[in-house]
Amino acid sequence: MLYKMRQTTLCYIDNGDSYLMLHRVKKANDASHGKWIGVGGKCEADESPDECMLREVREETGLEITEWHYRGIVTFISDTWPNEYMHLFTATAWNGEPDMSIDDEGTLAWIRKIDLPVAEGIGNQNINLWEGDKIFLRLLLDESQPFFSLKLVYVQDEMTKALLNGKAL
């Protein structure tokens, strides 16, 4: 029996000191309701991760990305939500200005990198992130690993395991 993982993308649009992020507040039955995340979504049939990311960013922000970097693959395993491979990108150049009212899933905002609560006592603790997102955001900010594989296991909303390039964190 062939088991399929859902394929998704997530992009952090980087203007130097901030990332454009989405506060997921508009859909009631949303795994990420109340959380701040990058921009992205599910891959369509026959769509590459790059094509999906470009389409999702355009649909959710109005921006046309012109320079991006494929930064990692995040494997999400959950007892509650569908398992997925999330292709993680950063974008550093684009055409246009973000339309902060375009998205029907939440509210877009530029979040300063120094405000991201990527570890205990660091950043603005009122910015609600998934525990696993804190790990890959640290990796994006550090830039010491240009590409990484991260596996995150969740039971309900609690992260129970994290493996970076096959090694437990």
C-alpha atoms as a PDB file:
ATOM      1  CA  MET A   1       0.000   0.000   0.000  1.00  0.00           C
ATOM      2  CA  LEU A   2       1.425   3.346  -1.060  1.00  0.00           C
ATOM      3  CA  TYR A   3       1.277   6.074   1.590  1.00  0.00           C
ATOM      4  CA  LYS A   4       1.242   9.664   0.390  1.00  0.00           C
ATOM      5  CA  MET A   5       2.458  12.616   2.414  1.00  0.00           C
ATOM      6  CA  ARG A   6       0.879  15.994   1.791  1.00  0.00           C
ATOM      7  CA  GLN A   7       3.306  18.403   0.079  1.00  0.00           C
ATOM      8  CA  THR A   8       3.269  22.044   1.209  1.00  0.00           C
ATOM      9  CA  THR A   9       5.459  25.136   0.999  1.00  0.00           C
ATOM     10  CA  LEU A  10       6.277  27.920   3.412  1.00  0.00           C
ATOM     11  CA  CYS A  11       8.137  31.108   2.514  1.00  0.00           C
ATOM     12  CA  TYR A  12       9.609  33.774   4.764  1.00  0.00           C
ATOM     13  CA  ILE A  13       9.877  36.982   2.750  1.00  0.00           C
ATOM     14  CA  ASP A  14      12.985  38.729   4.061  1.00  0.00           C
ATOM     15  CA  ASN A  15      13.364  42.517   3.850  1.00  0.00           C
ATOM     16  CA  GLY A  16      16.593  42.557   5.879  1.00  0.00           C
ATOM     17  CA  ASP A  17      15.420  43.111   9.436  1.00  0.00           C
ATOM     18  CA  SER A  18      11.941  41.545   9.192  1.00  0.00           C
ATOM     19  CA  TYR A  19       9.981  38.645   7.745  1.00  0.00           C
ATOM     20  CA  LEU A  20       6.545  39.029   6.190  1.00  0.00           C
ATOM     21  CA  MET A  21       4.368  36.677   8.240  1.00  0.00           C
ATOM     22  CA  LEU A  22       0.744  35.649   8.421  1.00  0.00           C
ATOM     23  CA  HIS A  23      -1.226  35.680  11.671  1.00  0.00           C
ATOM     24  CA  ARG A  24      -3.702  32.805  11.149  1.00  0.00           C
ATOM     25  CA  VAL A  25      -6.896  34.161  12.690  1.00  0.00           C
ATOM     26  CA  LYS A  26      -9.657  33.951  10.076  1.00  0.00           C
ATOM     27  CA  LYS A  27     -10.456  30.204   9.802  1.00  0.00           C
ATOM     28  CA  ALA A  28     -11.945  28.537  12.881  1.00  0.00           C
ATOM     29  CA  ASN A  29     -10.941  24.908  12.082  1.00  0.00           C
ATOM     30  CA  ASP A  30      -7.295  25.690  11.318  1.00  0.00           C
ATOM     31  CA  ALA A  31      -4.381  23.709  12.780  1.00  0.00           C
ATOM     32  CA  SER A  32      -2.422  26.971  12.957  1.00  0.00           C
ATOM     33  CA  HIS A  33      -5.232  29.165  14.301  1.00  0.00           C
ATOM     34  CA  GLY A  34      -3.739  31.982  16.388  1.00  0.00           C
ATOM     35  CA  LYS A  35      -0.178  31.224  15.240  1.00  0.00           C
ATOM     36  CA  TRP A  36       2.218  33.377  13.206  1.00  0.00           C
ATOM     37  CA  ILE A  37       3.650  31.548  10.175  1.00  0.00           C
ATOM     38  CA  GLY A  38       5.281  32.262   6.836  1.00  0.00           C
ATOM     39  CA  VAL A  39       3.297  32.432   3.592  1.00  0.00           C
ATOM     40  CA  GLY A  40       2.482  29.207   1.782  1.00  0.00           C
ATOM     41  CA  GLY A  41       0.119  26.353   1.216  1.00  0.00           C
ATOM     42  CA  LYS A  42      -0.569  22.998  -0.398  1.00  0.00           C
ATOM     43  CA  CYS A  43       1.065  21.933  -3.652  1.00  0.00           C
ATOM     44  CA  GLU A  44      -1.314  21.307  -6.523  1.00  0.00           C
ATOM     45  CA  ALA A  45      -1.063  18.285  -8.831  1.00  0.00           C
ATOM     46  CA  ASP A  46       2.103  18.328 -10.993  1.00  0.00           C
ATOM     47  CA  GLU A  47       3.366  21.509  -9.285  1.00  0.00           C
ATOM     48  CA  SER A  48       6.987  21.710  -8.127  1.00  0.00           C
ATOM     49  CA  PRO A  49       7.748  23.147  -4.670  1.00  0.00           C
ATOM     50  CA  ASP A  50       9.145  26.300  -6.322  1.00  0.00           C
ATOM     51  CA  GLU A  51       6.030  26.765  -8.450  1.00  0.00           C
ATOM     52  CA  CYS A  52       3.775  26.207  -5.427  1.00  0.00           C
ATOM     53  CA  MET A  53       5.683  28.730  -3.318  1.00  0.00           C
ATOM     54  CA  LEU A  54       5.586  31.361  -6.075  1.00  0.00           C
ATOM     55  CA  ARG A  55       1.838  30.830  -6.621  1.00  0.00           C
ATOM     56  CA  GLU A  56       0.986  30.856  -2.909  1.00  0.00           C
ATOM     57  CA  VAL A  57       3.008  34.027  -2.251  1.00  0.00           C
ATOM     58  CA  ARG A  58       1.336  35.758  -5.202  1.00  0.00           C
ATOM     59  CA  GLU A  59      -2.152  34.668  -4.037  1.00  0.00           C
ATOM     60  CA  GLU A  60      -1.612  35.543  -0.366  1.00  0.00           C
ATOM     61  CA  THR A  61       0.424  38.764  -0.694  1.00  0.00           C
ATOM     62  CA  GLY A  62       0.203  40.049  -4.274  1.00  0.00           C
ATOM     63  CA  LEU A  63       4.024  39.891  -4.547  1.00  0.00           C
ATOM     64  CA  GLU A  64       5.931  38.441  -7.495  1.00  0.00           C
ATOM     65  CA  ILE A  65       9.021  36.779  -6.000  1.00  0.00           C
ATOM     66  CA  THR A  66      12.143  37.254  -8.158  1.00  0.00           C
ATOM     67  CA  GLU A  67      14.855  35.775  -5.912  1.00  0.00           C
ATOM     68  CA  TRP A  68      14.429  32.896  -3.499  1.00  0.00           C
ATOM     69  CA  HIS A  69      16.373  30.182  -1.735  1.00  0.00           C
ATOM     70  CA  TYR A  70      15.196  26.647  -0.999  1.00  0.00           C
ATOM     71  CA  ARG A  71      16.329  26.347   2.619  1.00  0.00           C
ATOM     72  CA  GLY A  72      15.045  23.013   3.867  1.00  0.00           C
ATOM     73  CA  ILE A  73      12.559  20.213   4.048  1.00  0.00           C
ATOM     74  CA  VAL A  74      10.496  19.820   7.205  1.00  0.00           C
ATOM     75  CA  THR A  75       8.738  16.509   7.823  1.00  0.00           C
ATOM     76  CA  PHE A  76       5.711  16.909  10.085  1.00  0.00           C
ATOM     77  CA  ILE A  77       4.276  13.830  11.780  1.00  0.00           C
ATOM     78  CA  SER A  78       1.096  14.338  13.803  1.00  0.00           C
ATOM     79  CA  ASP A  79      -1.512  12.221  15.532  1.00  0.00           C
ATOM     80  CA  THR A  80      -4.089  14.951  14.863  1.00  0.00           C
ATOM     81  CA  TRP A  81      -3.362  16.571  11.493  1.00  0.00           C
ATOM     82  CA  PRO A  82      -2.292  15.124   8.113  1.00  0.00           C
ATOM     83  CA  ASN A  83       1.421  14.304   7.882  1.00  0.00           C
ATOM     84  CA  GLU A  84       3.333  16.467   5.439  1.00  0.00           C
ATOM     85  CA  TYR A  85       6.578  17.386   3.778  1.00  0.00           C
ATOM     86  CA  MET A  86       6.916  21.163   3.985  1.00  0.00           C
ATOM     87  CA  HIS A  87       9.377  22.782   1.577  1.00  0.00           C
ATOM     88  CA  LEU A  88      10.863  25.819   3.309  1.00  0.00           C
ATOM     89  CA  PHE A  89      11.975  28.927   1.394  1.00  0.00           C
ATOM     90  CA  THR A  90      13.246  32.431   1.998  1.00  0.00           C
ATOM     91  CA  ALA A  91      12.713  35.194  -0.548  1.00  0.00           C
ATOM     92  CA  THR A  92      14.980  38.233  -0.789  1.00  0.00           C
ATOM     93  CA  ALA A  93      13.706  40.075  -3.877  1.00  0.00           C
ATOM     94  CA  TRP A  94      10.253  40.720  -5.306  1.00  0.00           C
ATOM     95  CA  ASN A  95       8.193  43.065  -7.416  1.00  0.00           C
ATOM     96  CA  GLY A  96       5.395  45.082  -5.891  1.00  0.00           C
ATOM     97  CA  GLU A  97       4.251  45.915  -2.390  1.00  0.00           C
ATOM     98  CA  PRO A  98       2.481  43.381  -0.196  1.00  0.00           C
ATOM     99  CA  ASP A  99      -1.287  43.769  -0.095  1.00  0.00           C
ATOM    100  CA  MET A 100      -1.818  43.453   3.657  1.00  0.00           C
ATOM    101  CA  SER A 101      -5.575  42.828   3.216  1.00  0.00           C
ATOM    102  CA  ILE A 102      -5.526  40.174   0.479  1.00  0.00           C
ATOM    103  CA  ASP A 103      -5.412  36.966   2.485  1.00  0.00           C
ATOM    104  CA  ASP A 104      -8.574  35.230   3.687  1.00  0.00           C
ATOM    105  CA  GLU A 105      -6.641  33.090   6.193  1.00  0.00           C
ATOM    106  CA  GLY A 106      -5.280  35.825   8.414  1.00  0.00           C
ATOM    107  CA  THR A 107      -3.479  39.134   8.709  1.00  0.00           C
ATOM    108  CA  LEU A 108      -0.106  39.890   7.121  1.00  0.00           C
ATOM    109  CA  ALA A 109       2.516  41.899   8.992  1.00  0.00           C
ATOM    110  CA  TRP A 110       6.254  42.544   8.913  1.00  0.00           C
ATOM    111  CA  ILE A 111       7.673  40.930  12.060  1.00  0.00           C
ATOM    112  CA  ARG A 112      11.121  42.078  13.129  1.00  0.00           C
ATOM    113  CA  LYS A 113      13.573  39.189  13.351  1.00  0.00           C
ATOM    114  CA  ILE A 114      14.770  40.309  16.779  1.00  0.00           C
ATOM    115  CA  ASP A 115      11.170  40.033  18.024  1.00  0.00           C
ATOM    116  CA  LEU A 116      10.764  36.381  16.997  1.00  0.00           C
ATOM    117  CA  PRO A 117      10.549  34.208  20.129  1.00  0.00           C
ATOM    118  CA  VAL A 118      12.905  31.519  18.804  1.00  0.00           C
ATOM    119  CA  ALA A 119      14.140  30.457  22.254  1.00  0.00           C
ATOM    120  CA  GLU A 120      13.220  30.884  25.907  1.00  0.00           C
ATOM    121  CA  GLY A 121      13.720  34.517  26.928  1.00  0.00           C
ATOM    122  CA  ILE A 122      14.462  35.689  23.379  1.00  0.00           C
ATOM    123  CA  GLY A 123      12.107  37.908  21.388  1.00  0.00           C
ATOM    124  CA  ASN A 124       8.520  38.924  21.982  1.00  0.00           C
ATOM    125  CA  GLN A 125       6.852  36.000  23.764  1.00  0.00           C
ATOM    126  CA  ASN A 126       3.432  37.331  22.646  1.00  0.00           C
ATOM    127  CA  ILE A 127       4.190  36.258  19.070  1.00  0.00           C
ATOM    128  CA  ASN A 128       2.603  32.802  19.066  1.00  0.00           C
ATOM    129  CA  LEU A 129       4.701  30.255  17.120  1.00  0.00           C
ATOM    130  CA  TRP A 130       4.668  26.477  16.858  1.00  0.00           C
ATOM    131  CA  GLU A 131       7.579  24.972  18.846  1.00  0.00           C
ATOM    132  CA  GLY A 132       8.944  23.403  15.664  1.00  0.00           C
ATOM    133  CA  ASP A 133       8.757  26.733  13.832  1.00  0.00           C
ATOM    134  CA  LYS A 134      11.074  28.188  16.474  1.00  0.00           C
ATOM    135  CA  ILE A 135      13.670  25.582  15.485  1.00  0.00           C
ATOM    136  CA  PHE A 136      13.589  26.235  11.758  1.00  0.00           C
ATOM    137  CA  LEU A 137      13.390  30.006  12.245  1.00  0.00           C
ATOM    138  CA  ARG A 138      16.606  29.785  14.318  1.00  0.00           C
ATOM    139  CA  LEU A 139      18.183  27.877  11.424  1.00  0.00           C
ATOM    140  CA  LEU A 140      16.994  30.484   8.903  1.00  0.00           C
ATOM    141  CA  LEU A 141      18.304  33.341  11.037  1.00  0.00           C
ATOM    142  CA  ASP A 142      21.647  31.628  11.742  1.00  0.00           C
ATOM    143  CA  GLU A 143      22.287  30.787   8.048  1.00  0.00           C
ATOM    144  CA  SER A 144      25.125  28.399   9.047  1.00  0.00           C
ATOM    145  CA  GLN A 145      23.245  25.575   7.317  1.00  0.00           C
ATOM    146  CA  PRO A 146      22.212  26.635   3.823  1.00  0.00           C
ATOM    147  CA  PHE A 147      19.948  23.550   3.560  1.00  0.00           C
ATOM    148  CA  PHE A 148      18.643  21.231   6.258  1.00  0.00           C
ATOM    149  CA  SER A 149      16.256  18.368   6.918  1.00  0.00           C
ATOM    150  CA  LEU A 150      14.116  18.710  10.027  1.00  0.00           C
ATOM    151  CA  LYS A 151      11.654  16.112  11.323  1.00  0.00           C
ATOM    152  CA  LEU A 152       9.074  17.276  13.857  1.00  0.00           C
ATOM    153  CA  VAL A 153       6.703  14.924  15.663  1.00  0.00           C
ATOM    154  CA  TYR A 154       3.591  16.277  17.379  1.00  0.00           C
ATOM    155  CA  VAL A 155       1.098  14.656  19.730  1.00  0.00           C
ATOM    156  CA  GLN A 156      -1.923  16.962  19.686  1.00  0.00           C
ATOM    157  CA  ASP A 157      -0.275  20.442  19.748  1.00  0.00           C
ATOM    158  CA  GLU A 158       2.836  19.355  21.690  1.00  0.00           C
ATOM    159  CA  MET A 159       6.121  18.729  19.890  1.00  0.00           C
ATOM    160  CA  THR A 160       7.484  15.425  21.231  1.00  0.00           C
ATOM    161  CA  LYS A 161      10.498  14.906  18.962  1.00  0.00           C
ATOM    162  CA  ALA A 162      12.777  16.935  16.713  1.00  0.00           C
ATOM    163  CA  LEU A 163      15.546  15.569  14.481  1.00  0.00           C
ATOM    164  CA  LEU A 164      17.894  17.883  12.569  1.00  0.00           C
ATOM    165  CA  ASN A 165      19.693  16.110   9.727  1.00  0.00           C
ATOM    166  CA  GLY A 166      18.895  12.810  11.464  1.00  0.00           C
ATOM    167  CA  LYS A 167      20.176  13.809  14.906  1.00  0.00           C
ATOM    168  CA  ALA A 168      17.965  14.391  17.941  1.00  0.00           C
ATOM    169  CA  LEU A 169      17.747  17.940  19.238  1.00  0.00           C
END
